[in-house]
Amino acid sequence: MQRIKSFEVDHTKLEKGLYLSRIDEDIATYDLRMVKPNVPPFLENAGAHTFEHLMATYLRNSEYGKNVIYIGPMGCRTGFYLLFRDLPAKAVIDLIKSALEFISRYHGEIPGSTKAECGNYLEHDLPKAKLYAKDMEDVLANWQCDDLQYDV
């Protein structure tokens, strides 16, 4: 079997940030790394779950909603993968920054969090999701296209 590209990244050197993981034809996969790999604490399920609901809702309702393919957590609980179709890198950076600001300041009901809408509706944590977003706002404050490349 071929090795998965993300397994070729040296996780002992990877820092928090936003990285372009791969490009497959017109779909770009981004690595939103919210925790330094192998350095606890990792993302807690309830906070990551709420973060995912808010991020997905924001991105899919943005002006680039038609370009959003997927938003999902990494199994290692260190971040999320974000897949976009035909979206310039600068637009992705700006969109993620605005989504993080939205999440860190969010008040109200968590979108899609009722029993009828969510497969694990009891496991949400809005305060934790807001902390995760605020931390990443700080990390990405000066992020530019040149920063999207893995440096490991």
N, C-alpha and C. Protein backbone atom coordinates (compact mmCIF):
# COMPACT_ATOMS: atom_id res chain seq x y z
N MET A 1 0.83 -1.19 0.00
CA MET A 1 0.00 0.00 0.00
C MET A 1 0.87 1.25 0.00
N GLN A 2 0.37 2.28 -0.64
CA GLN A 2 1.06 3.56 -0.60
C GLN A 2 0.85 4.22 0.76
N ARG A 3 1.89 4.92 1.21
CA ARG A 3 1.78 5.67 2.46
C ARG A 3 0.91 6.88 2.26
N ILE A 4 0.07 7.17 3.24
CA ILE A 4 -0.77 8.37 3.21
C ILE A 4 0.14 9.58 3.39
N LYS A 5 -0.09 10.61 2.57
CA LYS A 5 0.79 11.79 2.59
C LYS A 5 0.91 12.39 3.99
N SER A 6 -0.19 12.46 4.73
CA SER A 6 -0.13 13.08 6.06
C SER A 6 0.76 12.29 7.03
N PHE A 7 0.97 11.00 6.77
CA PHE A 7 1.85 10.20 7.62
C PHE A 7 3.32 10.46 7.31
N GLU A 8 3.58 11.14 6.20
CA GLU A 8 4.95 11.47 5.83
C GLU A 8 5.44 12.75 6.49
N VAL A 9 4.55 13.49 7.11
CA VAL A 9 4.90 14.71 7.82
C VAL A 9 5.48 14.31 9.17
N ASP A 10 6.62 14.88 9.53
CA ASP A 10 7.25 14.56 10.81
C ASP A 10 6.46 15.25 11.93
N HIS A 11 5.63 14.49 12.59
CA HIS A 11 4.76 15.03 13.64
C HIS A 11 5.53 15.46 14.89
N THR A 12 6.80 15.09 15.00
CA THR A 12 7.59 15.55 16.15
C THR A 12 8.04 16.99 15.96
N LYS A 13 7.91 17.51 14.73
CA LYS A 13 8.33 18.89 14.43
C LYS A 13 7.15 19.80 14.09
N LEU A 14 5.98 19.24 13.89
CA LEU A 14 4.80 20.00 13.45
C LEU A 14 4.27 20.89 14.57
N GLU A 15 3.97 22.12 14.22
CA GLU A 15 3.43 23.10 15.17
C GLU A 15 1.98 23.41 14.84
N LYS A 16 1.31 24.11 15.73
CA LYS A 16 -0.05 24.58 15.46
C LYS A 16 -0.02 25.47 14.23
N GLY A 17 -1.09 25.42 13.45
CA GLY A 17 -1.16 26.28 12.28
C GLY A 17 -2.15 25.75 11.25
N LEU A 18 -2.11 26.35 10.09
CA LEU A 18 -2.95 25.95 8.95
C LEU A 18 -2.00 25.57 7.82
N TYR A 19 -2.16 24.35 7.32
CA TYR A 19 -1.25 23.83 6.31
C TYR A 19 -2.02 23.26 5.13
N LEU A 20 -1.45 23.41 3.95
CA LEU A 20 -2.00 22.78 2.76
C LEU A 20 -1.44 21.36 2.75
N SER A 21 -2.29 20.39 3.01
CA SER A 21 -1.86 19.01 3.14
C SER A 21 -1.67 18.34 1.78
N ARG A 22 -2.63 18.56 0.87
CA ARG A 22 -2.54 17.93 -0.45
C ARG A 22 -3.52 18.59 -1.41
N ILE A 23 -3.26 18.38 -2.70
CA ILE A 23 -4.17 18.84 -3.74
C ILE A 23 -4.47 17.66 -4.65
N ASP A 24 -5.74 17.37 -4.84
CA ASP A 24 -6.20 16.31 -5.72
C ASP A 24 -7.11 16.94 -6.76
N GLU A 25 -6.55 17.16 -7.96
CA GLU A 25 -7.26 17.83 -9.04
C GLU A 25 -7.74 19.20 -8.56
N ASP A 26 -9.05 19.38 -8.38
CA ASP A 26 -9.55 20.70 -7.98
C ASP A 26 -9.91 20.78 -6.50
N ILE A 27 -9.53 19.78 -5.71
CA ILE A 27 -9.85 19.76 -4.28
C ILE A 27 -8.56 19.86 -3.47
N ALA A 28 -8.52 20.86 -2.59
CA ALA A 28 -7.38 21.07 -1.70
C ALA A 28 -7.77 20.66 -0.29
N THR A 29 -6.91 19.89 0.35
CA THR A 29 -7.11 19.47 1.73
C THR A 29 -6.19 20.30 2.62
N TYR A 30 -6.79 20.96 3.62
CA TYR A 30 -6.03 21.77 4.57
C TYR A 30 -6.04 21.08 5.93
N ASP A 31 -4.95 21.24 6.63
CA ASP A 31 -4.72 20.69 7.95
C ASP A 31 -4.79 21.87 8.93
N LEU A 32 -5.87 21.96 9.68
CA LEU A 32 -5.99 22.98 10.73
C LEU A 32 -5.49 22.32 12.01
N ARG A 33 -4.20 22.51 12.30
CA ARG A 33 -3.55 21.84 13.42
C ARG A 33 -3.70 22.70 14.66
N MET A 34 -4.53 22.27 15.60
CA MET A 34 -4.89 23.07 16.77
C MET A 34 -4.13 22.68 18.03
N VAL A 35 -3.45 21.55 17.97
CA VAL A 35 -2.66 21.05 19.10
C VAL A 35 -1.34 20.54 18.53
N LYS A 36 -0.25 20.84 19.20
CA LYS A 36 1.04 20.28 18.79
C LYS A 36 0.95 18.77 18.97
N PRO A 37 1.23 18.01 17.90
CA PRO A 37 1.12 16.56 17.99
C PRO A 37 1.94 15.95 19.13
N ASN A 38 1.35 14.96 19.74
CA ASN A 38 1.98 14.17 20.80
C ASN A 38 2.29 14.97 22.06
N VAL A 39 1.65 16.13 22.21
CA VAL A 39 1.83 16.97 23.39
C VAL A 39 0.45 17.28 23.99
N PRO A 40 0.03 16.50 25.00
CA PRO A 40 -1.27 16.76 25.62
C PRO A 40 -1.32 18.15 26.25
N PRO A 41 -2.50 18.71 26.47
CA PRO A 41 -3.80 18.07 26.30
C PRO A 41 -4.26 18.13 24.84
N PHE A 42 -4.97 17.10 24.41
CA PHE A 42 -5.53 17.03 23.07
C PHE A 42 -6.93 17.63 23.10
N LEU A 43 -7.49 17.85 21.93
CA LEU A 43 -8.85 18.38 21.86
C LEU A 43 -9.81 17.43 22.57
N GLU A 44 -10.66 18.00 23.41
CA GLU A 44 -11.67 17.18 24.09
C GLU A 44 -12.84 16.98 23.13
N ASN A 45 -13.43 15.80 23.19
CA ASN A 45 -14.49 15.47 22.24
C ASN A 45 -15.63 16.47 22.22
N ALA A 46 -16.14 16.85 23.37
CA ALA A 46 -17.31 17.74 23.41
C ALA A 46 -17.00 19.11 22.80
N GLY A 47 -15.84 19.67 23.12
CA GLY A 47 -15.46 20.96 22.55
C GLY A 47 -15.18 20.87 21.07
N ALA A 48 -14.51 19.80 20.64
CA ALA A 48 -14.23 19.60 19.21
C ALA A 48 -15.53 19.39 18.44
N HIS A 49 -16.47 18.68 19.03
CA HIS A 49 -17.76 18.42 18.40
C HIS A 49 -18.49 19.74 18.14
N THR A 50 -18.53 20.59 19.16
CA THR A 50 -19.20 21.89 19.02
C THR A 50 -18.44 22.77 18.01
N PHE A 51 -17.12 22.76 18.09
CA PHE A 51 -16.30 23.50 17.13
C PHE A 51 -16.65 23.08 15.71
N GLU A 52 -16.75 21.77 15.49
CA GLU A 52 -17.09 21.25 14.17
C GLU A 52 -18.46 21.75 13.70
N HIS A 53 -19.47 21.71 14.56
CA HIS A 53 -20.80 22.18 14.18
C HIS A 53 -20.77 23.67 13.79
N LEU A 54 -20.07 24.46 14.59
CA LEU A 54 -20.01 25.90 14.31
C LEU A 54 -19.18 26.21 13.07
N MET A 55 -18.05 25.52 12.92
CA MET A 55 -17.20 25.73 11.75
C MET A 55 -17.94 25.34 10.47
N ALA A 56 -18.56 24.18 10.48
CA ALA A 56 -19.29 23.71 9.30
C ALA A 56 -20.43 24.66 8.95
N THR A 57 -21.16 25.09 9.95
CA THR A 57 -22.27 26.01 9.71
C THR A 57 -21.78 27.33 9.13
N TYR A 58 -20.71 27.87 9.71
CA TYR A 58 -20.17 29.13 9.22
C TYR A 58 -19.65 29.00 7.78
N LEU A 59 -18.81 27.99 7.55
CA LEU A 59 -18.21 27.84 6.23
C LEU A 59 -19.26 27.60 5.15
N ARG A 60 -20.23 26.76 5.44
CA ARG A 60 -21.24 26.43 4.42
C ARG A 60 -22.22 27.57 4.17
N ASN A 61 -22.27 28.53 5.10
CA ASN A 61 -23.13 29.70 4.91
C ASN A 61 -22.35 30.92 4.43
N SER A 62 -21.06 30.77 4.22
CA SER A 62 -20.23 31.88 3.76
C SER A 62 -20.41 32.07 2.25
N GLU A 63 -19.79 33.11 1.74
CA GLU A 63 -19.85 33.35 0.29
C GLU A 63 -19.18 32.22 -0.49
N TYR A 64 -18.36 31.41 0.19
CA TYR A 64 -17.67 30.29 -0.45
C TYR A 64 -18.32 28.94 -0.12
N GLY A 65 -19.53 28.97 0.39
CA GLY A 65 -20.20 27.75 0.81
C GLY A 65 -20.22 26.67 -0.25
N LYS A 66 -20.36 27.05 -1.51
CA LYS A 66 -20.41 26.07 -2.60
C LYS A 66 -19.05 25.41 -2.83
N ASN A 67 -17.98 26.00 -2.29
CA ASN A 67 -16.63 25.46 -2.44
C ASN A 67 -16.23 24.53 -1.29
N VAL A 68 -17.06 24.47 -0.26
CA VAL A 68 -16.76 23.65 0.91
C VAL A 68 -17.17 22.21 0.63
N ILE A 69 -16.21 21.30 0.75
CA ILE A 69 -16.47 19.88 0.52
C ILE A 69 -16.66 19.15 1.84
N TYR A 70 -15.78 19.41 2.82
CA TYR A 70 -15.81 18.62 4.05
C TYR A 70 -15.07 19.34 5.16
N ILE A 71 -15.59 19.20 6.37
CA ILE A 71 -14.95 19.67 7.59
C ILE A 71 -15.03 18.50 8.56
N GLY A 72 -13.90 18.02 9.04
CA GLY A 72 -13.96 16.89 9.95
C GLY A 72 -12.76 16.79 10.86
N PRO A 73 -12.96 16.23 12.05
CA PRO A 73 -11.88 16.11 13.03
C PRO A 73 -10.88 15.02 12.68
N MET A 74 -9.64 15.22 13.11
CA MET A 74 -8.61 14.19 12.98
C MET A 74 -8.81 13.19 14.12
N GLY A 75 -8.59 11.95 13.83
CA GLY A 75 -8.73 10.92 14.85
C GLY A 75 -7.78 11.10 16.02
N CYS A 76 -6.64 11.73 15.79
CA CYS A 76 -5.66 11.95 16.86
C CYS A 76 -6.05 13.10 17.78
N ARG A 77 -7.13 13.79 17.44
CA ARG A 77 -7.66 14.90 18.23
C ARG A 77 -6.68 16.07 18.35
N THR A 78 -5.97 16.34 17.26
CA THR A 78 -5.06 17.49 17.24
C THR A 78 -5.53 18.57 16.26
N GLY A 79 -6.64 18.34 15.59
CA GLY A 79 -7.14 19.34 14.66
C GLY A 79 -8.21 18.82 13.74
N PHE A 80 -8.36 19.52 12.61
CA PHE A 80 -9.41 19.22 11.64
C PHE A 80 -8.84 19.22 10.23
N TYR A 81 -9.47 18.44 9.37
CA TYR A 81 -9.21 18.53 7.94
C TYR A 81 -10.33 19.33 7.31
N LEU A 82 -9.96 20.21 6.40
CA LEU A 82 -10.91 21.06 5.69
C LEU A 82 -10.65 20.88 4.20
N LEU A 83 -11.66 20.50 3.46
CA LEU A 83 -11.52 20.29 2.03
C LEU A 83 -12.34 21.33 1.26
N PHE A 84 -11.66 21.97 0.30
CA PHE A 84 -12.29 23.01 -0.52
C PHE A 84 -12.06 22.72 -1.99
N ARG A 85 -13.02 23.09 -2.81
CA ARG A 85 -12.89 22.96 -4.26
C ARG A 85 -12.71 24.35 -4.86
N ASP A 86 -11.69 24.48 -5.71
CA ASP A 86 -11.47 25.72 -6.48
C ASP A 86 -11.51 26.98 -5.62
N LEU A 87 -10.72 27.00 -4.56
CA LEU A 87 -10.67 28.17 -3.69
C LEU A 87 -9.22 28.57 -3.49
N PRO A 88 -8.86 29.80 -3.87
CA PRO A 88 -7.47 30.25 -3.70
C PRO A 88 -7.03 30.20 -2.24
N ALA A 89 -5.76 29.93 -2.03
CA ALA A 89 -5.21 29.79 -0.68
C ALA A 89 -5.48 31.02 0.18
N LYS A 90 -5.32 32.21 -0.37
CA LYS A 90 -5.55 33.44 0.40
C LYS A 90 -6.99 33.50 0.88
N ALA A 91 -7.93 33.10 0.04
CA ALA A 91 -9.34 33.08 0.44
C ALA A 91 -9.59 32.07 1.55
N VAL A 92 -8.89 30.93 1.50
CA VAL A 92 -9.03 29.92 2.55
C VAL A 92 -8.53 30.49 3.88
N ILE A 93 -7.37 31.12 3.87
CA ILE A 93 -6.82 31.70 5.10
C ILE A 93 -7.80 32.72 5.68
N ASP A 94 -8.27 33.62 4.85
CA ASP A 94 -9.20 34.66 5.32
C ASP A 94 -10.50 34.05 5.83
N LEU A 95 -10.99 33.03 5.13
CA LEU A 95 -12.23 32.38 5.54
C LEU A 95 -12.07 31.68 6.88
N ILE A 96 -10.97 30.97 7.08
CA ILE A 96 -10.73 30.28 8.35
C ILE A 96 -10.58 31.29 9.48
N LYS A 97 -9.87 32.37 9.22
CA LYS A 97 -9.73 33.41 10.25
C LYS A 97 -11.08 33.98 10.64
N SER A 98 -11.94 34.25 9.68
CA SER A 98 -13.26 34.81 10.01
C SER A 98 -14.13 33.77 10.70
N ALA A 99 -13.99 32.50 10.34
CA ALA A 99 -14.74 31.44 11.02
C ALA A 99 -14.31 31.32 12.48
N LEU A 100 -13.01 31.40 12.72
CA LEU A 100 -12.51 31.34 14.09
C LEU A 100 -13.02 32.51 14.92
N GLU A 101 -13.05 33.68 14.34
CA GLU A 101 -13.60 34.84 15.04
C GLU A 101 -15.08 34.63 15.35
N PHE A 102 -15.82 34.10 14.39
CA PHE A 102 -17.25 33.80 14.60
C PHE A 102 -17.42 32.84 15.77
N ILE A 103 -16.65 31.76 15.77
CA ILE A 103 -16.79 30.74 16.82
C ILE A 103 -16.39 31.31 18.18
N SER A 104 -15.29 32.04 18.24
CA SER A 104 -14.81 32.53 19.54
C SER A 104 -15.77 33.54 20.17
N ARG A 105 -16.61 34.15 19.37
CA ARG A 105 -17.55 35.15 19.88
C ARG A 105 -19.00 34.67 19.87
N TYR A 106 -19.21 33.42 19.54
CA TYR A 106 -20.56 32.89 19.35
C TYR A 106 -21.33 32.82 20.66
N HIS A 107 -22.59 33.22 20.59
CA HIS A 107 -23.53 33.09 21.70
C HIS A 107 -24.82 32.52 21.12
N GLY A 108 -25.44 31.65 21.85
CA GLY A 108 -26.72 31.11 21.38
C GLY A 108 -26.69 29.61 21.30
N GLU A 109 -27.73 29.09 20.66
CA GLU A 109 -27.89 27.64 20.53
C GLU A 109 -26.88 27.11 19.51
N ILE A 110 -26.32 25.97 19.80
CA ILE A 110 -25.38 25.32 18.89
C ILE A 110 -26.17 24.78 17.70
N PRO A 111 -25.81 25.17 16.48
CA PRO A 111 -26.54 24.67 15.31
C PRO A 111 -26.47 23.15 15.20
N GLY A 112 -27.59 22.55 14.87
CA GLY A 112 -27.64 21.12 14.63
C GLY A 112 -27.39 20.27 15.86
N SER A 113 -27.79 20.76 17.03
CA SER A 113 -27.45 20.04 18.26
C SER A 113 -28.65 19.40 18.98
N THR A 114 -29.73 19.23 18.26
CA THR A 114 -30.86 18.54 18.88
C THR A 114 -30.75 17.04 18.61
N LYS A 115 -31.53 16.26 19.32
CA LYS A 115 -31.51 14.81 19.17
C LYS A 115 -31.86 14.40 17.74
N ALA A 116 -32.76 15.13 17.12
CA ALA A 116 -33.17 14.81 15.75
C ALA A 116 -32.09 15.18 14.72
N GLU A 117 -31.19 16.10 15.06
CA GLU A 117 -30.20 16.61 14.11
C GLU A 117 -28.80 16.03 14.26
N CYS A 118 -28.50 15.47 15.42
CA CYS A 118 -27.12 15.11 15.74
C CYS A 118 -27.05 13.72 16.35
N GLY A 119 -26.07 12.95 15.93
CA GLY A 119 -25.91 11.58 16.42
C GLY A 119 -25.34 11.47 17.82
N ASN A 120 -24.87 12.58 18.38
CA ASN A 120 -24.35 12.59 19.75
C ASN A 120 -24.67 13.95 20.37
N TYR A 121 -25.95 14.27 20.39
CA TYR A 121 -26.41 15.61 20.78
C TYR A 121 -26.10 15.99 22.22
N LEU A 122 -25.83 15.02 23.08
CA LEU A 122 -25.56 15.31 24.49
C LEU A 122 -24.10 15.73 24.73
N GLU A 123 -23.23 15.51 23.75
CA GLU A 123 -21.81 15.80 23.96
C GLU A 123 -21.39 17.06 23.19
N HIS A 124 -21.66 18.19 23.79
CA HIS A 124 -21.26 19.49 23.25
C HIS A 124 -20.71 20.35 24.38
N ASP A 125 -19.79 21.26 24.02
CA ASP A 125 -19.20 22.17 25.00
C ASP A 125 -18.86 23.48 24.29
N LEU A 126 -19.79 24.42 24.34
CA LEU A 126 -19.58 25.70 23.66
C LEU A 126 -18.43 26.50 24.26
N PRO A 127 -18.31 26.63 25.58
CA PRO A 127 -17.16 27.38 26.12
C PRO A 127 -15.82 26.81 25.66
N LYS A 128 -15.69 25.49 25.60
CA LYS A 128 -14.43 24.88 25.16
C LYS A 128 -14.20 25.15 23.67
N ALA A 129 -15.23 25.05 22.86
CA ALA A 129 -15.09 25.35 21.42
C ALA A 129 -14.65 26.79 21.22
N LYS A 130 -15.17 27.70 22.01
CA LYS A 130 -14.78 29.10 21.91
C LYS A 130 -13.32 29.30 22.30
N LEU A 131 -12.86 28.58 23.32
CA LEU A 131 -11.44 28.64 23.71
C LEU A 131 -10.54 28.12 22.60
N TYR A 132 -10.92 27.01 21.98
CA TYR A 132 -10.15 26.46 20.87
C TYR A 132 -10.05 27.48 19.73
N ALA A 133 -11.18 28.11 19.42
CA ALA A 133 -11.20 29.09 18.33
C ALA A 133 -10.34 30.30 18.65
N LYS A 134 -10.43 30.80 19.86
CA LYS A 134 -9.65 31.97 20.26
C LYS A 134 -8.16 31.66 20.19
N ASP A 135 -7.77 30.49 20.67
CA ASP A 135 -6.37 30.10 20.60
C ASP A 135 -5.88 30.09 19.15
N MET A 136 -6.67 29.53 18.25
CA MET A 136 -6.26 29.46 16.85
C MET A 136 -6.31 30.83 16.18
N GLU A 137 -7.20 31.70 16.62
CA GLU A 137 -7.18 33.09 16.12
C GLU A 137 -5.81 33.71 16.36
N ASP A 138 -5.30 33.50 17.56
CA ASP A 138 -3.98 34.04 17.92
C ASP A 138 -2.88 33.40 17.07
N VAL A 139 -2.94 32.08 16.89
CA VAL A 139 -1.93 31.36 16.12
C VAL A 139 -1.90 31.86 14.67
N LEU A 140 -3.08 32.07 14.09
CA LEU A 140 -3.17 32.42 12.66
C LEU A 140 -3.23 33.92 12.39
N ALA A 141 -3.07 34.74 13.41
CA ALA A 141 -3.24 36.19 13.27
C ALA A 141 -2.44 36.76 12.10
N ASN A 142 -1.22 36.33 11.91
CA ASN A 142 -0.36 36.87 10.84
C ASN A 142 -0.05 35.82 9.76
N TRP A 143 -0.88 34.77 9.69
CA TRP A 143 -0.64 33.67 8.75
C TRP A 143 -0.79 34.15 7.31
N GLN A 144 0.14 33.76 6.47
CA GLN A 144 0.13 34.12 5.05
C GLN A 144 0.25 32.84 4.20
N CYS A 145 0.08 32.99 2.91
CA CYS A 145 0.16 31.84 2.00
C CYS A 145 1.47 31.08 2.13
N ASP A 146 2.57 31.77 2.35
CA ASP A 146 3.87 31.10 2.51
C ASP A 146 3.91 30.21 3.75
N ASP A 147 3.06 30.49 4.72
CA ASP A 147 3.03 29.69 5.95
C ASP A 147 2.27 28.38 5.79
N LEU A 148 1.59 28.19 4.66
CA LEU A 148 0.76 27.00 4.46
C LEU A 148 1.57 25.73 4.21
N GLN A 149 2.84 25.87 3.92
CA GLN A 149 3.67 24.70 3.61
C GLN A 149 4.21 24.10 4.92
N TYR A 150 4.12 22.78 4.99
CA TYR A 150 4.72 22.09 6.13
C TYR A 150 6.20 22.39 6.15
N ASP A 151 6.73 22.68 7.30
CA ASP A 151 8.16 22.97 7.45
C ASP A 151 8.83 21.82 8.19
N VAL A 152 8.40 20.62 7.89
CA VAL A 152 8.93 19.43 8.58
C VAL A 152 9.18 18.30 7.60
